[in-house]
Amino acid sequence: FEQFCINLTNEKLQQHFNQ
């Protein structure tokens, strides 16, 4: 479950930095 949360957060962060 922790890995899933980290994965989700990483994707959100990447989208934020990509914009």
PDB file of N, CA and C in Angstrom:
ATOM      1  N   PHE A   1       0.843  -1.210   0.000  1.00  0.00           N
ATOM      2  CA  PHE A   1       0.000   0.000   0.000  1.00  0.00           C
ATOM      3  C   PHE A   1       0.881   1.265   0.000  1.00  0.00           C
ATOM      4  N   GLU A   2       1.937   1.240   0.799  1.00  0.00           N
ATOM      5  CA  GLU A   2       2.817   2.415   0.850  1.00  0.00           C
ATOM      6  C   GLU A   2       3.399   2.700  -0.535  1.00  0.00           C
ATOM      7  N   GLN A   3       3.833   1.627  -1.209  1.00  0.00           N
ATOM      8  CA  GLN A   3       4.408   1.791  -2.551  1.00  0.00           C
ATOM      9  C   GLN A   3       3.387   2.455  -3.479  1.00  0.00           C
ATOM     10  N   PHE A   4       2.132   2.063  -3.360  1.00  0.00           N
ATOM     11  CA  PHE A   4       1.086   2.638  -4.214  1.00  0.00           C
ATOM     12  C   PHE A   4       0.954   4.139  -3.956  1.00  0.00           C
ATOM     13  N   CYS A   5       0.956   4.515  -2.683  1.00  0.00           N
ATOM     14  CA  CYS A   5       0.833   5.945  -2.335  1.00  0.00           C
ATOM     15  C   CYS A   5       2.016   6.726  -2.907  1.00  0.00           C
ATOM     16  N   ILE A   6       3.199   6.178  -2.761  1.00  0.00           N
ATOM     17  CA  ILE A   6       4.389   6.869  -3.288  1.00  0.00           C
ATOM     18  C   ILE A   6       4.278   7.006  -4.805  1.00  0.00           C
ATOM     19  N   ASN A   7       3.840   5.954  -5.450  1.00  0.00           N
ATOM     20  CA  ASN A   7       3.699   5.993  -6.905  1.00  0.00           C
ATOM     21  C   ASN A   7       2.704   7.078  -7.312  1.00  0.00           C
ATOM     22  N   LEU A   8       1.578   7.124  -6.634  1.00  0.00           N
ATOM     23  CA  LEU A   8       0.543   8.104  -6.963  1.00  0.00           C
ATOM     24  C   LEU A   8       1.085   9.519  -6.751  1.00  0.00           C
ATOM     25  N   THR A   9       1.737   9.732  -5.632  1.00  0.00           N
ATOM     26  CA  THR A   9       2.293  11.068  -5.344  1.00  0.00           C
ATOM     27  C   THR A   9       3.330  11.448  -6.376  1.00  0.00           C
ATOM     28  N   ASN A  10       4.171  10.512  -6.764  1.00  0.00           N
ATOM     29  CA  ASN A  10       5.207  10.802  -7.766  1.00  0.00           C
ATOM     30  C   ASN A  10       4.568  11.245  -9.076  1.00  0.00           C
ATOM     31  N   GLU A  11       3.532  10.579  -9.489  1.00  0.00           N
ATOM     32  CA  GLU A  11       2.879  10.969 -10.755  1.00  0.00           C
ATOM     33  C   GLU A  11       2.293  12.367 -10.636  1.00  0.00           C
ATOM     34  N   LYS A  12       1.662  12.657  -9.509  1.00  0.00           N
ATOM     35  CA  LYS A  12       1.075  13.990  -9.321  1.00  0.00           C
ATOM     36  C   LYS A  12       2.184  15.046  -9.348  1.00  0.00           C
ATOM     37  N   LEU A  13       3.284  14.756  -8.677  1.00  0.00           N
ATOM     38  CA  LEU A  13       4.388  15.716  -8.643  1.00  0.00           C
ATOM     39  C   LEU A  13       4.940  15.922 -10.048  1.00  0.00           C
ATOM     40  N   GLN A  14       5.110  14.857 -10.788  1.00  0.00           N
ATOM     41  CA  GLN A  14       5.643  14.981 -12.155  1.00  0.00           C
ATOM     42  C   GLN A  14       4.713  15.839 -13.001  1.00  0.00           C
ATOM     43  N   GLN A  15       3.425  15.623 -12.892  1.00  0.00           N
ATOM     44  CA  GLN A  15       2.483  16.423 -13.682  1.00  0.00           C
ATOM     45  C   GLN A  15       2.613  17.897 -13.293  1.00  0.00           C
ATOM     46  N   HIS A  16       2.760  18.147 -11.997  1.00  0.00           N
ATOM     47  CA  HIS A  16       2.860  19.530 -11.519  1.00  0.00           C
ATOM     48  C   HIS A  16       4.125  20.195 -12.068  1.00  0.00           C
ATOM     49  N   PHE A  17       5.254  19.463 -12.049  1.00  0.00           N
ATOM     50  CA  PHE A  17       6.514  20.045 -12.528  1.00  0.00           C
ATOM     51  C   PHE A  17       6.526  20.145 -14.040  1.00  0.00           C
ATOM     52  N   ASN A  18       5.824  19.253 -14.707  1.00  0.00           N
ATOM     53  CA  ASN A  18       5.827  19.263 -16.176  1.00  0.00           C
ATOM     54  C   ASN A  18       5.110  20.495 -16.718  1.00  0.00           C
ATOM     55  N   GLN A  19       4.134  20.970 -16.000  1.00  0.00           N
ATOM     56  CA  GLN A  19       3.366  22.096 -16.531  1.00  0.00           C
ATOM     57  C   GLN A  19       4.179  23.383 -16.500  1.00  0.00           C
TER      58      GLN A  19
END
